[in-house]
Amino acid sequence: MDITEQFDVTQPIESVWLLFQDIPELARCLPGAELTSDNGDGTYDGNVSVKLGPISASFDGKATVAFDHDAYSIAIQGKGVDRQGGSQGRVSVDVLLVGTDEGHTAVTIEAGVMLAGPIAQFGRTGLMNEVSRRMIDDFSDCVHAKIDAATPEAAEAISAPDVHGISLFISSLWSALTNGVRNLFGK
């Protein structure tokens, strides 16, 4: 499953790039994510918890992060296993920051996600795309708040909200259904 999301940050690219290079701080903006160790070589251990209706998974895994400072881009490769539920996941994420004429920063996130096990049933529908869009919205809000914080201490205290499984599931399902009806009737 391929996912592409874009959002605008109302700060210059240099300010946004500083935050995006701080992986432990940036991970705090990912709903359901927890970084458990920085291995010092561009690899990180952590876990991501997801609850979608009756299905929940907590993926323990590893991510490798590579920066291209000249292009303001980041490449992330990750994999994890939900030992309790038997699901597995792999993700490849490319993040690109581009300065705009208005002095803002356009952030593009392209992800390729492969799921196996019980959680994979959500990857076969538009539901996973809708859930990812909502999670990117929360990520974007967190990034904005951290960059706009008055002090470094205030920025450090900011993190993504908890993932509320049932409400996220229902609102994502509703959005996917209404988008499907609109597409069906051409409105």
N, C-alpha and C. Protein backbone atom coordinates (compact mmCIF):
# COMPACT_ATOMS: atom_id res chain seq x y z
N MET A 1 0.85 -1.15 0.00
CA MET A 1 0.00 0.00 0.00
C MET A 1 0.91 1.23 0.00
N ASP A 2 0.62 2.16 -0.91
CA ASP A 2 1.38 3.39 -1.00
C ASP A 2 0.55 4.55 -0.49
N ILE A 3 1.18 5.40 0.29
CA ILE A 3 0.51 6.53 0.90
C ILE A 3 1.34 7.77 0.62
N THR A 4 0.71 8.84 0.16
CA THR A 4 1.39 10.12 -0.02
C THR A 4 0.57 11.19 0.67
N GLU A 5 1.22 11.96 1.51
CA GLU A 5 0.57 13.06 2.21
C GLU A 5 1.47 14.28 2.14
N GLN A 6 0.85 15.45 2.14
CA GLN A 6 1.62 16.69 2.11
C GLN A 6 0.97 17.69 3.04
N PHE A 7 1.80 18.48 3.72
CA PHE A 7 1.29 19.57 4.54
C PHE A 7 2.28 20.72 4.51
N ASP A 8 1.80 21.89 4.90
CA ASP A 8 2.59 23.11 4.86
C ASP A 8 2.88 23.55 6.29
N VAL A 9 4.13 23.93 6.55
CA VAL A 9 4.52 24.48 7.84
C VAL A 9 4.86 25.95 7.62
N THR A 10 4.28 26.82 8.42
CA THR A 10 4.45 28.26 8.21
C THR A 10 5.73 28.79 8.83
N GLN A 11 6.82 28.07 8.59
CA GLN A 11 8.15 28.45 9.07
C GLN A 11 9.14 28.19 7.94
N PRO A 12 10.28 28.89 7.95
CA PRO A 12 11.29 28.65 6.91
C PRO A 12 11.88 27.25 7.00
N ILE A 13 12.38 26.77 5.89
CA ILE A 13 12.88 25.40 5.78
C ILE A 13 13.98 25.10 6.80
N GLU A 14 14.83 26.06 7.10
CA GLU A 14 15.92 25.82 8.06
C GLU A 14 15.37 25.45 9.44
N SER A 15 14.31 26.13 9.88
CA SER A 15 13.71 25.84 11.19
C SER A 15 13.06 24.46 11.20
N VAL A 16 12.37 24.14 10.13
CA VAL A 16 11.69 22.85 10.04
C VAL A 16 12.72 21.73 9.94
N TRP A 17 13.78 21.94 9.18
CA TRP A 17 14.83 20.93 9.01
C TRP A 17 15.50 20.60 10.35
N LEU A 18 15.69 21.60 11.19
CA LEU A 18 16.29 21.34 12.51
C LEU A 18 15.46 20.32 13.29
N LEU A 19 14.14 20.50 13.30
CA LEU A 19 13.28 19.55 14.01
C LEU A 19 13.32 18.17 13.36
N PHE A 20 13.28 18.13 12.03
CA PHE A 20 13.24 16.84 11.34
C PHE A 20 14.54 16.05 11.48
N GLN A 21 15.63 16.70 11.86
CA GLN A 21 16.88 15.99 12.10
C GLN A 21 16.96 15.41 13.51
N ASP A 22 16.08 15.87 14.39
CA ASP A 22 16.06 15.40 15.78
C ASP A 22 15.07 14.24 15.88
N ILE A 23 15.52 13.04 15.54
CA ILE A 23 14.64 11.87 15.44
C ILE A 23 13.92 11.57 16.76
N PRO A 24 14.59 11.60 17.91
CA PRO A 24 13.84 11.33 19.15
C PRO A 24 12.69 12.34 19.37
N GLU A 25 12.93 13.60 19.07
CA GLU A 25 11.89 14.61 19.26
C GLU A 25 10.80 14.46 18.19
N LEU A 26 11.20 14.17 16.97
CA LEU A 26 10.23 14.00 15.89
C LEU A 26 9.35 12.78 16.13
N ALA A 27 9.92 11.72 16.69
CA ALA A 27 9.14 10.50 16.98
C ALA A 27 8.01 10.78 17.96
N ARG A 28 8.19 11.78 18.82
CA ARG A 28 7.14 12.15 19.77
C ARG A 28 5.92 12.74 19.06
N CYS A 29 6.07 13.10 17.79
CA CYS A 29 4.95 13.64 17.01
C CYS A 29 4.19 12.55 16.26
N LEU A 30 4.66 11.33 16.27
CA LEU A 30 3.97 10.23 15.59
C LEU A 30 2.99 9.57 16.56
N PRO A 31 1.69 9.65 16.27
CA PRO A 31 0.71 9.03 17.17
C PRO A 31 0.98 7.54 17.36
N GLY A 32 1.04 7.12 18.61
CA GLY A 32 1.23 5.70 18.92
C GLY A 32 2.67 5.23 18.88
N ALA A 33 3.62 6.13 18.57
CA ALA A 33 5.03 5.73 18.44
C ALA A 33 5.81 6.03 19.71
N GLU A 34 6.75 5.15 20.01
CA GLU A 34 7.65 5.35 21.13
C GLU A 34 9.04 4.88 20.72
N LEU A 35 10.00 5.77 20.82
CA LEU A 35 11.39 5.43 20.54
C LEU A 35 12.00 4.88 21.82
N THR A 36 12.53 3.66 21.77
CA THR A 36 13.08 3.05 22.98
C THR A 36 14.59 3.13 23.05
N SER A 37 15.28 3.26 21.91
CA SER A 37 16.73 3.44 21.96
C SER A 37 17.25 4.03 20.66
N ASP A 38 18.28 4.86 20.82
CA ASP A 38 19.03 5.41 19.69
C ASP A 38 20.34 4.65 19.69
N ASN A 39 20.56 3.82 18.66
CA ASN A 39 21.73 2.97 18.61
C ASN A 39 22.98 3.71 18.15
N GLY A 40 22.83 5.00 17.81
CA GLY A 40 23.98 5.83 17.49
C GLY A 40 24.53 5.66 16.09
N ASP A 41 23.98 4.80 15.29
CA ASP A 41 24.50 4.56 13.95
C ASP A 41 23.43 4.78 12.88
N GLY A 42 22.45 5.62 13.21
CA GLY A 42 21.34 5.85 12.28
C GLY A 42 20.23 4.84 12.42
N THR A 43 20.35 3.94 13.41
CA THR A 43 19.27 2.98 13.66
C THR A 43 18.65 3.26 15.03
N TYR A 44 17.37 2.99 15.10
CA TYR A 44 16.60 3.24 16.32
C TYR A 44 15.69 2.05 16.58
N ASP A 45 15.52 1.72 17.85
CA ASP A 45 14.56 0.70 18.26
C ASP A 45 13.35 1.42 18.83
N GLY A 46 12.19 0.82 18.64
CA GLY A 46 10.99 1.43 19.17
C GLY A 46 9.78 0.57 18.94
N ASN A 47 8.62 1.15 19.22
CA ASN A 47 7.38 0.44 18.95
C ASN A 47 6.32 1.43 18.51
N VAL A 48 5.37 0.89 17.76
CA VAL A 48 4.23 1.66 17.28
C VAL A 48 2.98 0.86 17.62
N SER A 49 2.07 1.50 18.33
CA SER A 49 0.82 0.85 18.72
C SER A 49 -0.33 1.42 17.91
N VAL A 50 -1.16 0.53 17.40
CA VAL A 50 -2.31 0.91 16.59
C VAL A 50 -3.51 0.12 17.06
N LYS A 51 -4.65 0.80 17.20
CA LYS A 51 -5.89 0.11 17.54
C LYS A 51 -6.95 0.59 16.56
N LEU A 52 -7.46 -0.33 15.78
CA LEU A 52 -8.50 -0.03 14.80
C LEU A 52 -9.69 -0.93 15.07
N GLY A 53 -10.68 -0.37 15.74
CA GLY A 53 -11.86 -1.18 16.06
C GLY A 53 -11.45 -2.40 16.87
N PRO A 54 -11.77 -3.59 16.38
CA PRO A 54 -11.49 -4.80 17.15
C PRO A 54 -10.04 -5.27 17.04
N ILE A 55 -9.26 -4.68 16.16
CA ILE A 55 -7.89 -5.11 15.93
C ILE A 55 -6.93 -4.12 16.59
N SER A 56 -6.00 -4.65 17.34
CA SER A 56 -4.94 -3.81 17.89
C SER A 56 -3.61 -4.51 17.65
N ALA A 57 -2.58 -3.71 17.51
CA ALA A 57 -1.24 -4.26 17.30
C ALA A 57 -0.23 -3.31 17.93
N SER A 58 0.82 -3.89 18.46
CA SER A 58 1.94 -3.12 18.98
C SER A 58 3.19 -3.70 18.33
N PHE A 59 3.69 -2.99 17.34
CA PHE A 59 4.83 -3.45 16.57
C PHE A 59 6.13 -3.05 17.26
N ASP A 60 6.93 -4.03 17.65
CA ASP A 60 8.27 -3.78 18.17
C ASP A 60 9.21 -3.94 16.99
N GLY A 61 10.09 -2.95 16.80
CA GLY A 61 10.95 -3.07 15.64
C GLY A 61 12.11 -2.12 15.63
N LYS A 62 12.66 -1.97 14.44
CA LYS A 62 13.86 -1.18 14.22
C LYS A 62 13.66 -0.33 12.98
N ALA A 63 14.23 0.88 13.02
CA ALA A 63 14.19 1.77 11.87
C ALA A 63 15.59 2.27 11.58
N THR A 64 15.89 2.42 10.31
CA THR A 64 17.15 3.00 9.85
C THR A 64 16.82 4.32 9.18
N VAL A 65 17.53 5.38 9.59
CA VAL A 65 17.25 6.72 9.09
C VAL A 65 18.49 7.26 8.39
N ALA A 66 18.31 7.77 7.16
CA ALA A 66 19.40 8.37 6.40
C ALA A 66 18.98 9.77 5.96
N PHE A 67 19.87 10.74 6.17
CA PHE A 67 19.60 12.13 5.82
C PHE A 67 20.35 12.52 4.56
N ASP A 68 19.72 13.33 3.72
CA ASP A 68 20.38 14.02 2.62
C ASP A 68 20.24 15.50 2.93
N HIS A 69 21.27 16.07 3.55
CA HIS A 69 21.19 17.45 4.03
C HIS A 69 21.08 18.45 2.88
N ASP A 70 21.69 18.16 1.75
CA ASP A 70 21.62 19.08 0.62
C ASP A 70 20.22 19.15 0.02
N ALA A 71 19.52 18.02 0.02
CA ALA A 71 18.18 17.96 -0.58
C ALA A 71 17.07 18.14 0.46
N TYR A 72 17.43 18.30 1.74
CA TYR A 72 16.44 18.39 2.82
C TYR A 72 15.50 17.19 2.77
N SER A 73 16.08 16.00 2.71
CA SER A 73 15.24 14.80 2.64
C SER A 73 15.74 13.74 3.62
N ILE A 74 14.79 12.87 3.97
CA ILE A 74 15.07 11.79 4.90
C ILE A 74 14.50 10.50 4.31
N ALA A 75 15.27 9.43 4.39
CA ALA A 75 14.80 8.10 3.98
C ALA A 75 14.78 7.22 5.22
N ILE A 76 13.64 6.58 5.47
CA ILE A 76 13.47 5.73 6.65
C ILE A 76 13.02 4.35 6.19
N GLN A 77 13.69 3.33 6.70
CA GLN A 77 13.31 1.94 6.47
C GLN A 77 13.01 1.33 7.83
N GLY A 78 11.84 0.72 7.97
CA GLY A 78 11.49 0.15 9.26
C GLY A 78 10.80 -1.19 9.12
N LYS A 79 10.91 -1.98 10.16
CA LYS A 79 10.19 -3.24 10.20
C LYS A 79 9.88 -3.57 11.64
N GLY A 80 8.75 -4.27 11.83
CA GLY A 80 8.36 -4.60 13.18
C GLY A 80 7.44 -5.80 13.22
N VAL A 81 7.31 -6.35 14.42
CA VAL A 81 6.49 -7.54 14.64
C VAL A 81 5.60 -7.28 15.85
N ASP A 82 4.32 -7.64 15.70
CA ASP A 82 3.39 -7.63 16.82
C ASP A 82 3.41 -9.04 17.40
N ARG A 83 4.18 -9.25 18.43
CA ARG A 83 4.38 -10.59 18.98
C ARG A 83 3.10 -11.18 19.56
N GLN A 84 2.21 -10.34 20.04
CA GLN A 84 0.99 -10.85 20.64
C GLN A 84 -0.04 -11.24 19.59
N GLY A 85 -0.21 -10.43 18.55
CA GLY A 85 -1.26 -10.70 17.56
C GLY A 85 -0.77 -11.39 16.30
N GLY A 86 0.54 -11.48 16.12
CA GLY A 86 1.07 -12.17 14.96
C GLY A 86 1.18 -11.35 13.69
N SER A 87 0.89 -10.05 13.75
CA SER A 87 1.02 -9.21 12.57
C SER A 87 2.47 -8.78 12.39
N GLN A 88 2.83 -8.50 11.14
CA GLN A 88 4.16 -8.01 10.81
C GLN A 88 4.00 -6.82 9.89
N GLY A 89 4.97 -5.93 9.93
CA GLY A 89 4.91 -4.76 9.06
C GLY A 89 6.28 -4.31 8.63
N ARG A 90 6.32 -3.75 7.44
CA ARG A 90 7.52 -3.11 6.89
C ARG A 90 7.07 -1.77 6.33
N VAL A 91 7.93 -0.79 6.48
CA VAL A 91 7.60 0.53 5.96
C VAL A 91 8.84 1.17 5.35
N SER A 92 8.63 1.85 4.26
CA SER A 92 9.66 2.64 3.62
C SER A 92 9.09 4.05 3.50
N VAL A 93 9.76 5.03 4.10
CA VAL A 93 9.23 6.39 4.14
C VAL A 93 10.27 7.35 3.57
N ASP A 94 9.83 8.21 2.67
CA ASP A 94 10.66 9.29 2.16
C ASP A 94 10.01 10.60 2.55
N VAL A 95 10.78 11.47 3.18
CA VAL A 95 10.29 12.78 3.60
C VAL A 95 11.10 13.83 2.84
N LEU A 96 10.40 14.78 2.23
CA LEU A 96 11.06 15.85 1.49
C LEU A 96 10.53 17.18 1.96
N LEU A 97 11.44 18.09 2.30
CA LEU A 97 11.08 19.45 2.68
C LEU A 97 11.47 20.38 1.55
N VAL A 98 10.57 21.28 1.17
CA VAL A 98 10.83 22.23 0.10
C VAL A 98 10.39 23.61 0.57
N GLY A 99 11.29 24.59 0.46
CA GLY A 99 10.93 25.96 0.80
C GLY A 99 10.01 26.55 -0.25
N THR A 100 9.04 27.35 0.21
CA THR A 100 8.10 27.98 -0.71
C THR A 100 8.43 29.46 -0.86
N ASP A 101 7.84 30.09 -1.87
CA ASP A 101 8.06 31.52 -2.10
C ASP A 101 7.57 32.37 -0.93
N GLU A 102 6.60 31.86 -0.18
CA GLU A 102 6.05 32.60 0.96
C GLU A 102 6.91 32.47 2.21
N GLY A 103 8.01 31.72 2.13
CA GLY A 103 8.86 31.52 3.30
C GLY A 103 8.39 30.37 4.18
N HIS A 104 7.47 29.58 3.68
CA HIS A 104 6.97 28.41 4.41
C HIS A 104 7.76 27.19 3.96
N THR A 105 7.38 26.02 4.50
CA THR A 105 8.00 24.76 4.11
C THR A 105 6.93 23.76 3.75
N ALA A 106 7.00 23.24 2.54
CA ALA A 106 6.10 22.16 2.11
C ALA A 106 6.76 20.84 2.50
N VAL A 107 6.03 20.02 3.23
CA VAL A 107 6.54 18.72 3.67
C VAL A 107 5.76 17.64 2.93
N THR A 108 6.46 16.78 2.21
CA THR A 108 5.85 15.66 1.51
C THR A 108 6.34 14.37 2.13
N ILE A 109 5.38 13.50 2.47
CA ILE A 109 5.71 12.20 3.05
C ILE A 109 5.15 11.13 2.12
N GLU A 110 6.02 10.29 1.61
CA GLU A 110 5.62 9.16 0.76
C GLU A 110 6.02 7.89 1.50
N ALA A 111 5.04 7.01 1.70
CA ALA A 111 5.31 5.78 2.45
C ALA A 111 4.80 4.58 1.68
N GLY A 112 5.57 3.53 1.72
CA GLY A 112 5.15 2.23 1.23
C GLY A 112 5.02 1.32 2.44
N VAL A 113 3.83 0.79 2.65
CA VAL A 113 3.57 -0.03 3.83
C VAL A 113 3.18 -1.43 3.40
N MET A 114 3.82 -2.43 4.00
CA MET A 114 3.47 -3.82 3.76
C MET A 114 3.06 -4.42 5.09
N LEU A 115 1.86 -4.98 5.15
CA LEU A 115 1.34 -5.59 6.38
C LEU A 115 1.03 -7.05 6.13
N ALA A 116 1.26 -7.86 7.16
CA ALA A 116 0.91 -9.28 7.10
C ALA A 116 0.29 -9.65 8.44
N GLY A 117 -0.61 -10.61 8.42
CA GLY A 117 -1.29 -11.03 9.65
C GLY A 117 -2.65 -10.36 9.77
N PRO A 118 -3.27 -10.43 10.94
CA PRO A 118 -4.63 -9.91 11.12
C PRO A 118 -4.80 -8.44 10.74
N ILE A 119 -3.78 -7.61 10.99
CA ILE A 119 -3.92 -6.18 10.69
C ILE A 119 -3.94 -5.91 9.19
N ALA A 120 -3.48 -6.87 8.39
CA ALA A 120 -3.40 -6.68 6.95
C ALA A 120 -4.76 -6.48 6.30
N GLN A 121 -5.82 -6.96 6.93
CA GLN A 121 -7.15 -6.79 6.34
C GLN A 121 -7.50 -5.31 6.16
N PHE A 122 -6.94 -4.43 7.00
CA PHE A 122 -7.22 -3.01 6.86
C PHE A 122 -6.41 -2.39 5.73
N GLY A 123 -5.32 -3.02 5.33
CA GLY A 123 -4.51 -2.53 4.23
C GLY A 123 -5.15 -2.77 2.88
N ARG A 124 -6.16 -3.60 2.82
CA ARG A 124 -6.82 -3.93 1.56
C ARG A 124 -7.97 -2.98 1.24
N THR A 125 -8.23 -2.06 2.12
CA THR A 125 -9.34 -1.13 1.91
C THR A 125 -8.82 0.29 1.92
N GLY A 126 -9.68 1.22 1.58
CA GLY A 126 -9.33 2.63 1.67
C GLY A 126 -9.25 3.08 3.12
N LEU A 127 -9.66 2.22 4.04
CA LEU A 127 -9.66 2.58 5.45
C LEU A 127 -8.25 2.90 5.95
N MET A 128 -7.27 2.11 5.57
CA MET A 128 -5.90 2.35 6.04
C MET A 128 -5.39 3.68 5.51
N ASN A 129 -5.73 4.04 4.28
CA ASN A 129 -5.32 5.33 3.75
C ASN A 129 -5.93 6.47 4.55
N GLU A 130 -7.20 6.32 4.92
CA GLU A 130 -7.87 7.35 5.70
C GLU A 130 -7.26 7.45 7.10
N VAL A 131 -6.97 6.32 7.72
CA VAL A 131 -6.34 6.33 9.05
C VAL A 131 -4.97 7.00 8.96
N SER A 132 -4.20 6.67 7.93
CA SER A 132 -2.87 7.28 7.79
C SER A 132 -2.99 8.78 7.58
N ARG A 133 -4.00 9.22 6.83
CA ARG A 133 -4.19 10.66 6.61
C ARG A 133 -4.47 11.35 7.94
N ARG A 134 -5.31 10.75 8.76
CA ARG A 134 -5.62 11.34 10.06
C ARG A 134 -4.39 11.36 10.98
N MET A 135 -3.58 10.32 10.91
CA MET A 135 -2.37 10.29 11.73
C MET A 135 -1.37 11.34 11.25
N ILE A 136 -1.26 11.55 9.93
CA ILE A 136 -0.38 12.59 9.40
C ILE A 136 -0.90 13.97 9.81
N ASP A 137 -2.22 14.15 9.86
CA ASP A 137 -2.77 15.42 10.35
C ASP A 137 -2.33 15.68 11.79
N ASP A 138 -2.40 14.65 12.65
CA ASP A 138 -1.95 14.79 14.04
C ASP A 138 -0.45 15.07 14.09
N PHE A 139 0.31 14.40 13.23
CA PHE A 139 1.76 14.61 13.14
C PHE A 139 2.04 16.06 12.74
N SER A 140 1.33 16.55 11.73
CA SER A 140 1.51 17.92 11.26
C SER A 140 1.19 18.93 12.37
N ASP A 141 0.09 18.72 13.07
CA ASP A 141 -0.28 19.62 14.18
C ASP A 141 0.82 19.65 15.24
N CYS A 142 1.38 18.50 15.55
CA CYS A 142 2.44 18.40 16.55
C CYS A 142 3.71 19.13 16.07
N VAL A 143 4.08 18.93 14.80
CA VAL A 143 5.25 19.61 14.24
C VAL A 143 5.06 21.12 14.33
N HIS A 144 3.88 21.61 13.92
CA HIS A 144 3.59 23.05 14.01
C HIS A 144 3.74 23.54 15.45
N ALA A 145 3.16 22.82 16.38
CA ALA A 145 3.20 23.25 17.79
C ALA A 145 4.63 23.28 18.32
N LYS A 146 5.44 22.29 17.97
CA LYS A 146 6.83 22.26 18.44
C LYS A 146 7.62 23.43 17.88
N ILE A 147 7.45 23.69 16.59
CA ILE A 147 8.21 24.77 15.96
C ILE A 147 7.75 26.13 16.47
N ASP A 148 6.46 26.28 16.75
CA ASP A 148 5.92 27.56 17.21
C ASP A 148 6.03 27.76 18.72
N ALA A 149 6.52 26.76 19.45
CA ALA A 149 6.62 26.86 20.91
C ALA A 149 7.52 28.03 21.31
N ALA A 150 7.16 28.67 22.42
CA ALA A 150 7.89 29.86 22.88
C ALA A 150 9.29 29.53 23.40
N THR A 151 9.46 28.35 23.98
CA THR A 151 10.76 27.98 24.55
C THR A 151 11.10 26.54 24.17
N PRO A 152 12.38 26.18 24.24
CA PRO A 152 12.74 24.78 23.99
C PRO A 152 12.06 23.82 24.97
N GLU A 153 11.87 24.26 26.20
CA GLU A 153 11.21 23.41 27.20
C GLU A 153 9.75 23.16 26.81
N ALA A 154 9.09 24.22 26.33
CA ALA A 154 7.69 24.08 25.91
C ALA A 154 7.59 23.16 24.70
N ALA A 155 8.54 23.26 23.77
CA ALA A 155 8.55 22.39 22.59
C ALA A 155 8.75 20.94 23.00
N GLU A 156 9.62 20.70 23.97
CA GLU A 156 9.90 19.33 24.40
C GLU A 156 8.69 18.68 25.07
N ALA A 157 7.85 19.49 25.68
CA ALA A 157 6.67 18.96 26.38
C ALA A 157 5.55 18.56 25.42
N ILE A 158 5.65 18.96 24.16
CA ILE A 158 4.60 18.68 23.18
C ILE A 158 4.81 17.31 22.56
N SER A 159 3.73 16.53 22.48
CA SER A 159 3.78 15.23 21.80
C SER A 159 2.45 14.99 21.11
N ALA A 160 2.43 14.01 20.23
CA ALA A 160 1.20 13.67 19.51
C ALA A 160 0.16 13.16 20.49
N PRO A 161 -1.10 13.38 20.17
CA PRO A 161 -2.15 12.83 21.04
C PRO A 161 -2.18 11.32 20.94
N ASP A 162 -2.74 10.70 21.96
CA ASP A 162 -2.92 9.25 21.93
C ASP A 162 -3.86 8.88 20.79
N VAL A 163 -3.63 7.71 20.23
CA VAL A 163 -4.51 7.21 19.18
C VAL A 163 -5.75 6.64 19.86
N HIS A 164 -6.91 7.20 19.55
CA HIS A 164 -8.17 6.71 20.11
C HIS A 164 -8.79 5.78 19.09
N GLY A 165 -8.60 4.50 19.31
CA GLY A 165 -8.95 3.47 18.33
C GLY A 165 -10.36 3.51 17.82
N ILE A 166 -11.35 3.49 18.69
CA ILE A 166 -12.73 3.41 18.23
C ILE A 166 -13.13 4.67 17.48
N SER A 167 -12.83 5.85 18.05
CA SER A 167 -13.23 7.08 17.37
C SER A 167 -12.48 7.25 16.06
N LEU A 168 -11.19 6.88 16.02
CA LEU A 168 -10.42 6.95 14.79
C LEU A 168 -10.98 5.99 13.76
N PHE A 169 -11.30 4.79 14.20
CA PHE A 169 -11.86 3.78 13.31
C PHE A 169 -13.19 4.23 12.72
N ILE A 170 -14.09 4.72 13.57
CA ILE A 170 -15.42 5.13 13.10
C ILE A 170 -15.33 6.34 12.18
N SER A 171 -14.56 7.35 12.59
CA SER A 171 -14.47 8.55 11.75
C SER A 171 -13.77 8.24 10.43
N SER A 172 -12.76 7.36 10.47
CA SER A 172 -12.07 6.99 9.23
C SER A 172 -12.98 6.17 8.32
N LEU A 173 -13.72 5.25 8.91
CA LEU A 173 -14.66 4.45 8.13
C LEU A 173 -15.72 5.34 7.50
N TRP A 174 -16.27 6.27 8.26
CA TRP A 174 -17.28 7.19 7.73
C TRP A 174 -16.71 8.01 6.58
N SER A 175 -15.50 8.54 6.76
CA SER A 175 -14.87 9.35 5.72
C SER A 175 -14.62 8.52 4.46
N ALA A 176 -14.14 7.28 4.64
CA ALA A 176 -13.89 6.41 3.48
C ALA A 176 -15.20 6.10 2.75
N LEU A 177 -16.26 5.86 3.50
CA LEU A 177 -17.56 5.57 2.88
C LEU A 177 -18.11 6.78 2.13
N THR A 178 -18.07 7.96 2.75
CA THR A 178 -18.60 9.15 2.07
C THR A 178 -17.77 9.50 0.85
N ASN A 179 -16.45 9.32 0.91
CA ASN A 179 -15.61 9.56 -0.26
C ASN A 179 -15.93 8.56 -1.37
N GLY A 180 -16.20 7.32 -1.00
CA GLY A 180 -16.57 6.31 -1.99
C GLY A 180 -17.89 6.63 -2.66
N VAL A 181 -18.86 7.09 -1.90
CA VAL A 181 -20.16 7.47 -2.47
C VAL A 181 -19.99 8.67 -3.40
N ARG A 182 -19.21 9.66 -2.96
CA ARG A 182 -18.97 10.83 -3.82
C ARG A 182 -18.31 10.41 -5.14
N ASN A 183 -17.31 9.55 -5.05
CA ASN A 183 -16.63 9.09 -6.28
C ASN A 183 -17.57 8.30 -7.16
N LEU A 184 -18.43 7.52 -6.56
CA LEU A 184 -19.38 6.70 -7.31
C LEU A 184 -20.36 7.57 -8.11
N PHE A 185 -20.81 8.65 -7.50
CA PHE A 185 -21.79 9.52 -8.14
C PHE A 185 -21.17 10.76 -8.77
N GLY A 186 -19.84 10.84 -8.77
CA GLY A 186 -19.16 11.91 -9.45
C GLY A 186 -19.34 13.28 -8.83
N LYS A 187 -19.53 13.33 -7.52
CA LYS A 187 -19.72 14.63 -6.85
C LYS A 187 -18.56 14.91 -5.95
